[in-house]
């Protein structure tokens, strides 16, 4: 069994930011990634995905996205950027190592991969984020719907939807972007429980993320405020114009799916060919279940990314981990620094046990 000090699970944006934060504290981590390359979920998003934040506000610590800092990068630019970033961090990066189980005896962790590899570690950071487990909501009649159902995670391009009647469920940025794109080849409705809340992407000539960072809101713990308010969709005017054209249109959430029919809240009925569920994701942390780190819903028990139940365990990349930007390219670095500081020092509730084994690099077995 291999013996290391710090193991990071996941080599997406959260895992890479964590590796760099560990480097800054003199630790060379072992990073285990299930895929065959770094980048996490980015390469699996739809082809036309465009960030809603400029490159200036879409980078990890220590290395900016190249090119015009005011542009809005596309998916493939981010994928290339994360590959380059991985080559810059000082870490033992292992691809094709899917962690399927983690055990903890009170002092150390044992991680087991799908291939039967076992690693013992003093500290673990779960950086698999919240975008690898698509959420499929309990919609009335969904299981009996006879058309095609796919999650936004499975959507790639509009090419195969030509001439269809499509209903996109979910009024966030992705739902709006996908609905507007599909409307070029199909008849599309966006089904939401409340009207779309548009946010001006460039108020007073500055991107909204500039205002967030200048005001301090970007790092503020605003989860309760954010969840009570409407889901905001950043828009420079193009998406509002698309919906104003009538295709796509926005409809109040349907009440029932009956075969291939959608029963709308006003009692009208439509035949639908495809449902696209832009309904978000849930943390993919099942491998931690044996440790007692999760609640009954499978969500991590933590405070600011530090486990409240398991000594030496941290998280990076969780939605609203410490702020509303926690699960973003611009936010994970800040959280990674916080988690590394707490795990690798005596500050945290469980810090002393981990600090006692802090080394300049992981130790070979």
Protein backbone atom coordinates (compact mmCIF):
# COMPACT_ATOMS: atom_id res chain seq x y z
CA UNK A 1 0.00 0.00 0.00
CA UNK A 2 1.32 3.42 -0.94
CA UNK A 3 1.72 5.91 1.89
CA UNK A 4 1.33 9.67 1.26
CA UNK A 5 0.65 12.79 3.29
CA UNK A 6 -2.02 14.57 1.21
CA UNK A 7 -4.36 12.95 -1.33
CA UNK A 8 -6.59 15.10 -3.52
CA UNK A 9 -9.52 13.39 -5.24
CA UNK A 10 -10.22 14.98 -8.62
CA UNK A 11 -8.12 16.93 -11.14
CA UNK A 12 -10.72 19.41 -12.30
CA UNK A 13 -10.56 23.10 -11.47
CA UNK A 14 -11.04 22.42 -7.74
CA UNK A 15 -8.40 19.71 -7.53
CA UNK A 16 -5.83 21.69 -9.50
CA UNK A 17 -6.41 24.80 -7.37
CA UNK A 18 -5.99 22.63 -4.27
CA UNK A 19 -2.74 21.19 -5.58
CA UNK A 20 -1.35 24.67 -6.12
CA UNK A 21 -2.48 25.81 -2.68
CA UNK A 22 -0.71 22.77 -1.20
CA UNK A 23 2.45 23.66 -3.14
CA UNK A 24 2.35 27.15 -1.63
CA UNK A 25 2.50 25.52 1.80
CA UNK A 26 5.39 23.21 0.90
CA UNK A 27 3.37 20.07 0.15
CA UNK A 28 3.44 18.02 -3.06
CA UNK A 29 0.09 16.20 -3.18
CA UNK A 30 -1.03 13.01 -4.82
CA UNK A 31 -3.96 13.84 -7.14
CA UNK A 32 -6.21 10.99 -8.23
CA UNK A 33 -8.41 11.58 -11.29
CA UNK A 34 -10.94 9.12 -12.72
CA UNK A 35 -10.64 10.45 -16.28
CA UNK A 36 -7.65 10.10 -18.56
CA UNK A 37 -6.85 13.81 -18.48
CA UNK A 38 -7.29 16.83 -16.20
CA UNK A 39 -10.17 19.28 -16.46
CA UNK A 40 -13.02 17.61 -14.66
CA UNK A 41 -16.42 18.05 -16.29
CA UNK A 42 -15.46 20.82 -18.70
CA UNK A 43 -14.86 18.65 -21.75
CA UNK A 44 -18.31 17.08 -21.31
CA UNK A 45 -20.31 20.32 -21.47
CA UNK A 46 -22.24 21.32 -24.60
CA UNK A 47 -20.20 22.49 -27.57
CA UNK A 48 -21.27 26.13 -27.59
CA UNK A 49 -20.96 26.76 -23.85
CA UNK A 50 -19.69 30.27 -23.24
CA UNK A 51 -18.70 31.56 -19.83
CA UNK A 52 -20.80 34.32 -18.34
CA UNK A 53 -17.70 35.84 -16.75
CA UNK A 54 -14.78 37.40 -18.68
CA UNK A 55 -11.40 35.68 -18.85
CA UNK A 56 -10.13 38.21 -16.30
CA UNK A 57 -12.47 36.68 -13.72
CA UNK A 58 -12.28 33.05 -14.93
CA UNK A 59 -8.78 31.96 -13.99
CA UNK A 60 -7.16 29.86 -11.31
CA UNK A 61 -4.44 31.31 -9.04
CA UNK A 62 -1.00 31.87 -10.51
CA UNK A 63 -1.84 31.58 -14.21
CA UNK A 64 -4.33 33.72 -16.11
CA UNK A 65 -6.34 32.57 -19.09
CA UNK A 66 -4.37 33.76 -22.13
CA UNK A 67 -5.73 36.30 -24.60
CA UNK A 68 -8.02 39.28 -24.21
CA UNK A 69 -9.00 39.45 -20.53
CA UNK A 70 -12.36 41.02 -21.41
CA UNK A 71 -13.53 38.22 -23.72
CA UNK A 72 -15.97 35.50 -22.67
CA UNK A 73 -14.14 32.18 -23.15
CA UNK A 74 -15.69 29.12 -24.78
CA UNK A 75 -15.67 25.60 -23.39
CA UNK A 76 -12.69 24.37 -25.42
CA UNK A 77 -10.57 27.33 -24.30
CA UNK A 78 -11.18 26.39 -20.68
CA UNK A 79 -10.37 22.73 -21.37
CA UNK A 80 -7.03 23.70 -22.95
CA UNK A 81 -6.31 26.12 -20.12
CA UNK A 82 -6.87 23.47 -17.44
CA UNK A 83 -4.60 21.02 -19.26
CA UNK A 84 -1.84 23.62 -19.29
CA UNK A 85 -2.49 24.52 -15.66
CA UNK A 86 -2.12 20.85 -14.66
CA UNK A 87 1.33 20.81 -16.28
CA UNK A 88 2.38 23.75 -14.08
CA UNK A 89 1.47 22.37 -10.65
CA UNK A 90 3.92 20.27 -8.67
CA UNK A 91 1.82 17.18 -7.99
CA UNK A 92 1.81 13.46 -8.55
CA UNK A 93 -1.10 13.43 -11.02
CA UNK A 94 -2.53 10.00 -11.78
CA UNK A 95 -5.20 9.60 -14.42
CA UNK A 96 -7.60 6.67 -14.69
CA UNK A 97 -7.56 6.31 -10.89
CA UNK A 98 -11.22 6.39 -9.88
CA UNK A 99 -11.60 6.50 -6.11
CA UNK A 100 -14.50 4.26 -5.15
CA UNK A 101 -14.09 4.06 -1.40
CA UNK A 102 -12.50 5.96 1.46
CA UNK A 103 -12.14 4.60 4.99
CA UNK A 104 -10.97 6.46 8.08
CA UNK A 105 -9.80 4.95 11.36
CA UNK A 106 -9.65 8.20 13.31
CA UNK A 107 -6.09 9.06 12.29
CA UNK A 108 -5.50 8.00 8.68
CA UNK A 109 -7.43 7.44 5.49
CA UNK A 110 -7.30 4.51 3.11
CA UNK A 111 -8.43 5.23 -0.44
CA UNK A 112 -9.35 2.37 -2.78
CA UNK A 113 -9.66 2.77 -6.55
CA UNK A 114 -11.73 0.80 -9.03
CA UNK A 115 -8.60 -1.06 -10.13
CA UNK A 116 -7.87 -2.15 -6.59
CA UNK A 117 -5.06 0.32 -5.89
CA UNK A 118 -4.87 1.41 -2.26
CA UNK A 119 -3.38 4.59 -0.87
CA UNK A 120 -2.96 5.59 2.77
CA UNK A 121 -3.04 9.33 3.53
CA UNK A 122 -2.96 11.59 6.58
CA UNK A 123 -5.19 14.18 4.90
CA UNK A 124 -7.70 14.07 2.06
CA UNK A 125 -9.37 16.79 0.02
CA UNK A 126 -12.47 15.77 -1.91
CA UNK A 127 -12.37 17.96 -5.02
CA UNK A 128 -14.83 16.15 -7.24
CA UNK A 129 -17.03 19.24 -7.06
CA UNK A 130 -20.73 19.35 -7.79
CA UNK A 131 -20.93 18.87 -11.55
CA UNK A 132 -20.40 15.15 -12.03
CA UNK A 133 -23.78 13.96 -10.74
CA UNK A 134 -26.65 15.38 -12.85
CA UNK A 135 -29.82 15.98 -10.87
CA UNK A 136 -33.02 14.46 -12.27
CA UNK A 137 -35.96 16.00 -10.37
CA UNK A 138 -39.14 14.15 -9.43
CA UNK A 139 -41.48 15.60 -12.07
CA UNK A 140 -45.01 14.23 -12.30
CA UNK A 141 -45.13 11.69 -15.13
CA UNK A 142 -41.44 11.91 -16.00
CA UNK A 143 -40.82 8.17 -15.69
CA UNK A 144 -43.64 7.48 -18.14
CA UNK A 145 -42.73 10.14 -20.70
CA UNK A 146 -42.46 8.46 -24.10
CA UNK A 147 -40.30 11.07 -25.77
CA UNK A 148 -36.58 11.57 -25.26
CA UNK A 149 -35.32 12.78 -21.87
CA UNK A 150 -31.80 14.04 -21.45
CA UNK A 151 -30.00 16.13 -18.88
CA UNK A 152 -28.10 19.25 -19.92
CA UNK A 153 -24.97 17.25 -19.09
CA UNK A 154 -25.79 15.03 -22.10
CA UNK A 155 -26.62 17.85 -24.50
CA UNK A 156 -23.93 18.70 -27.07
CA UNK A 157 -25.39 20.62 -30.04
CA UNK A 158 -28.75 21.37 -31.74
CA UNK A 159 -27.99 19.33 -34.86
CA UNK A 160 -30.13 16.29 -33.94
CA UNK A 161 -33.17 18.33 -32.80
CA UNK A 162 -34.20 19.84 -36.13
CA UNK A 163 -37.97 20.18 -36.45
CA UNK A 164 -38.69 18.90 -32.95
CA UNK A 165 -40.89 20.26 -30.17
CA UNK A 166 -38.51 20.66 -27.23
CA UNK A 167 -39.17 21.64 -23.62
CA UNK A 168 -36.17 22.79 -21.57
CA UNK A 169 -36.71 22.58 -17.81
CA UNK A 170 -34.84 25.08 -15.62
CA UNK A 171 -34.34 28.82 -15.78
CA UNK A 172 -30.65 29.24 -14.96
CA UNK A 173 -27.86 30.32 -17.30
CA UNK A 174 -27.47 26.92 -18.94
CA UNK A 175 -31.20 26.40 -19.47
CA UNK A 176 -31.57 29.79 -21.12
CA UNK A 177 -28.49 29.34 -23.28
CA UNK A 178 -29.54 25.87 -24.46
CA UNK A 179 -33.14 26.96 -25.14
CA UNK A 180 -31.98 29.93 -27.23
CA UNK A 181 -29.60 27.75 -29.22
CA UNK A 182 -32.17 25.02 -29.87
CA UNK A 183 -34.69 27.62 -31.07
CA UNK A 184 -32.61 27.96 -34.22
CA UNK A 185 -33.75 24.50 -35.36
CA UNK A 186 -36.75 23.58 -33.17
CA UNK A 187 -39.86 24.93 -31.46
CA UNK A 188 -38.75 25.46 -27.86
CA UNK A 189 -40.35 26.33 -24.52
CA UNK A 190 -38.46 27.02 -21.32
CA UNK A 191 -40.41 25.65 -18.34
CA UNK A 192 -39.70 27.40 -15.04
CA UNK A 193 -41.46 27.87 -11.71
CA UNK A 194 -40.95 31.64 -11.79
CA UNK A 195 -40.17 34.17 -14.52
CA UNK A 196 -36.60 34.42 -15.73
CA UNK A 197 -34.73 37.07 -13.73
CA UNK A 198 -32.42 38.91 -16.11
CA UNK A 199 -29.22 40.51 -14.82
CA UNK A 200 -27.49 43.14 -16.93
CA UNK A 201 -24.16 41.59 -17.81
CA UNK A 202 -22.39 44.95 -18.18
CA UNK A 203 -23.96 47.61 -15.96
CA UNK A 204 -22.41 51.04 -16.56
CA UNK A 205 -20.02 49.48 -19.07
CA UNK A 206 -18.37 47.09 -16.62
CA UNK A 207 -18.97 43.35 -16.44
CA UNK A 208 -21.08 42.45 -13.43
CA UNK A 209 -18.23 40.34 -12.04
CA UNK A 210 -16.09 43.49 -11.83
CA UNK A 211 -18.75 44.98 -9.59
CA UNK A 212 -18.94 41.77 -7.54
CA UNK A 213 -15.21 41.77 -6.84
CA UNK A 214 -14.96 45.53 -6.22
CA UNK A 215 -17.87 45.45 -3.75
CA UNK A 216 -16.67 42.32 -1.95
CA UNK A 217 -19.88 40.43 -2.79
CA UNK A 218 -17.95 37.81 -4.74
CA UNK A 219 -16.42 36.43 -1.54
CA UNK A 220 -19.37 37.09 0.75
CA UNK A 221 -21.26 34.18 2.41
CA UNK A 222 -24.61 35.01 0.78
CA UNK A 223 -26.09 31.53 0.39
CA UNK A 224 -29.36 32.22 2.22
CA UNK A 225 -29.89 35.51 0.43
CA UNK A 226 -29.07 33.94 -2.93
CA UNK A 227 -31.34 30.92 -2.43
CA UNK A 228 -34.30 33.05 -1.32
CA UNK A 229 -34.04 35.28 -4.37
CA UNK A 230 -34.69 34.43 -8.02
CA UNK A 231 -32.07 32.65 -10.12
CA UNK A 232 -30.32 35.40 -12.06
CA UNK A 233 -29.38 34.95 -15.72
CA UNK A 234 -26.53 37.14 -16.94
CA UNK A 235 -27.40 38.66 -20.30
CA UNK A 236 -25.97 41.28 -22.62
CA UNK A 237 -29.34 41.55 -24.36
CA UNK A 238 -29.16 38.65 -26.80
CA UNK A 239 -31.12 36.16 -24.71
CA UNK A 240 -33.88 38.59 -23.81
CA UNK A 241 -34.18 39.38 -27.50
CA UNK A 242 -34.41 35.68 -28.32
CA UNK A 243 -37.26 35.16 -25.86
CA UNK A 244 -38.98 38.35 -27.02
CA UNK A 245 -39.15 36.82 -30.52
CA UNK A 246 -41.50 34.10 -29.23
CA UNK A 247 -39.18 31.17 -29.91
CA UNK A 248 -38.08 30.14 -27.40
CA UNK A 249 -40.90 31.13 -25.10
CA UNK A 250 -41.07 30.90 -21.35
CA UNK A 251 -43.91 28.88 -19.82
CA UNK A 252 -44.94 28.34 -16.22
CA UNK A 253 -43.82 24.90 -15.10
CA UNK A 254 -46.01 22.09 -16.42
CA UNK A 255 -48.12 20.09 -13.96
CA UNK A 256 -47.95 16.68 -15.63
CA UNK A 257 -46.30 14.63 -18.33
CA UNK A 258 -48.71 12.15 -19.92
CA UNK A 259 -47.13 9.87 -22.51
CA UNK A 260 -45.66 12.28 -25.04
CA UNK A 261 -47.83 15.18 -23.87
CA UNK A 262 -47.03 18.11 -21.61
CA UNK A 263 -49.91 19.44 -19.51
CA UNK A 264 -49.23 23.09 -18.77
CA UNK A 265 -50.29 25.00 -15.68
CA UNK A 266 -53.04 26.78 -17.65
CA UNK A 267 -54.54 23.45 -18.73
CA UNK A 268 -53.28 23.55 -22.32
CA UNK A 269 -51.56 20.51 -23.81
CA UNK A 270 -48.55 20.12 -26.10
CA UNK A 271 -46.97 17.11 -27.73
CA UNK A 272 -43.24 17.12 -26.98
CA UNK A 273 -40.45 15.19 -28.66
CA UNK A 274 -37.69 15.94 -26.16
CA UNK A 275 -37.25 17.18 -22.59
CA UNK A 276 -33.91 18.73 -21.68
CA UNK A 277 -33.39 18.89 -17.92
CA UNK A 278 -31.23 21.90 -17.08
CA UNK A 279 -31.84 21.13 -13.42
CA UNK A 280 -28.39 21.28 -11.93
CA UNK A 281 -26.16 18.79 -10.19
CA UNK A 282 -25.54 17.23 -6.81
CA UNK A 283 -22.22 16.47 -5.07
CA UNK A 284 -20.69 13.16 -6.18
CA UNK A 285 -19.24 12.07 -2.86
CA UNK A 286 -20.56 8.54 -2.39
CA UNK A 287 -17.01 7.26 -1.90
CA UNK A 288 -16.96 9.08 1.47
CA UNK A 289 -20.04 7.31 2.85
CA UNK A 290 -18.05 4.81 5.00
CA UNK A 291 -16.32 7.66 6.85
CA UNK A 292 -19.43 9.28 8.34
CA UNK A 293 -18.66 12.50 6.49
CA UNK A 294 -22.06 12.76 4.79
CA UNK A 295 -25.60 13.40 5.97
CA UNK A 296 -28.53 11.13 5.11
CA UNK A 297 -28.99 12.93 1.77
CA UNK A 298 -25.37 12.32 0.80
CA UNK A 299 -24.31 15.94 1.35
CA UNK A 300 -21.05 16.74 3.16
CA UNK A 301 -21.09 17.86 6.77
CA UNK A 302 -18.64 20.73 6.75
CA UNK A 303 -17.96 24.31 7.71
CA UNK A 304 -16.19 26.34 5.06
CA UNK A 305 -14.83 23.19 3.42
CA UNK A 306 -13.52 21.55 6.60
CA UNK A 307 -15.32 18.39 7.66
CA UNK A 308 -17.08 18.73 11.01
CA UNK A 309 -17.16 14.96 11.56
CA UNK A 310 -13.95 13.52 10.08
CA UNK A 311 -10.49 14.80 11.15
CA UNK A 312 -8.17 15.61 8.24
CA UNK A 313 -10.89 15.78 5.57
CA UNK A 314 -11.56 18.86 3.46
CA UNK A 315 -13.58 19.86 0.41
CA UNK A 316 -13.01 22.25 -2.47
CA UNK A 317 -15.42 23.03 -5.29
CA UNK A 318 -18.74 22.69 -3.48
CA UNK A 319 -21.50 25.10 -4.43
CA UNK A 320 -21.76 27.88 -1.82
CA UNK A 321 -18.87 26.33 0.12
CA UNK A 322 -17.87 29.76 1.44
CA UNK A 323 -19.42 32.18 -1.07
CA UNK A 324 -21.64 32.16 -4.14
CA UNK A 325 -18.51 31.97 -6.36
CA UNK A 326 -17.12 28.90 -4.57
CA UNK A 327 -17.79 26.44 -7.41
CA UNK A 328 -16.41 28.71 -10.13
CA UNK A 329 -13.00 29.11 -11.74
CA UNK A 330 -12.51 32.39 -9.92
CA UNK A 331 -13.70 31.09 -6.54
CA UNK A 332 -12.06 27.69 -6.05
CA UNK A 333 -8.59 29.12 -5.52
CA UNK A 334 -9.72 31.24 -2.61
CA UNK A 335 -11.43 28.25 -1.00
CA UNK A 336 -8.46 25.96 -1.69
CA UNK A 337 -6.14 28.33 0.17
CA UNK A 338 -8.53 28.40 3.12
CA UNK A 339 -8.83 24.60 3.27
CA UNK A 340 -5.08 24.04 2.99
CA UNK A 341 -4.40 26.61 5.71
CA UNK A 342 -6.83 24.87 8.05
CA UNK A 343 -5.83 21.30 7.25
CA UNK A 344 -2.10 21.92 7.34
CA UNK A 345 -1.99 23.96 10.53
CA UNK A 346 -3.20 23.78 14.10
CA UNK A 347 -5.94 26.33 13.50
CA UNK A 348 -8.72 23.95 12.63
CA UNK A 349 -10.74 21.73 14.89
CA UNK A 350 -8.81 18.69 13.63
CA UNK A 351 -5.67 20.47 12.44
CA UNK A 352 -3.13 19.27 14.99
CA UNK A 353 -3.22 15.60 13.99
CA UNK A 354 -2.67 16.46 10.35
CA UNK A 355 -0.04 19.13 11.00
CA UNK A 356 2.05 16.57 12.81
CA UNK A 357 2.63 14.72 9.55
CA UNK A 358 3.09 17.70 7.23
CA UNK A 359 6.11 17.15 4.99
CA UNK A 360 7.62 18.96 2.04
CA UNK A 361 6.29 16.24 -0.26
CA UNK A 362 4.34 13.02 -0.18
CA UNK A 363 6.27 10.04 1.15
CA UNK A 364 6.71 6.94 -1.02
CA UNK A 365 5.59 3.64 0.48
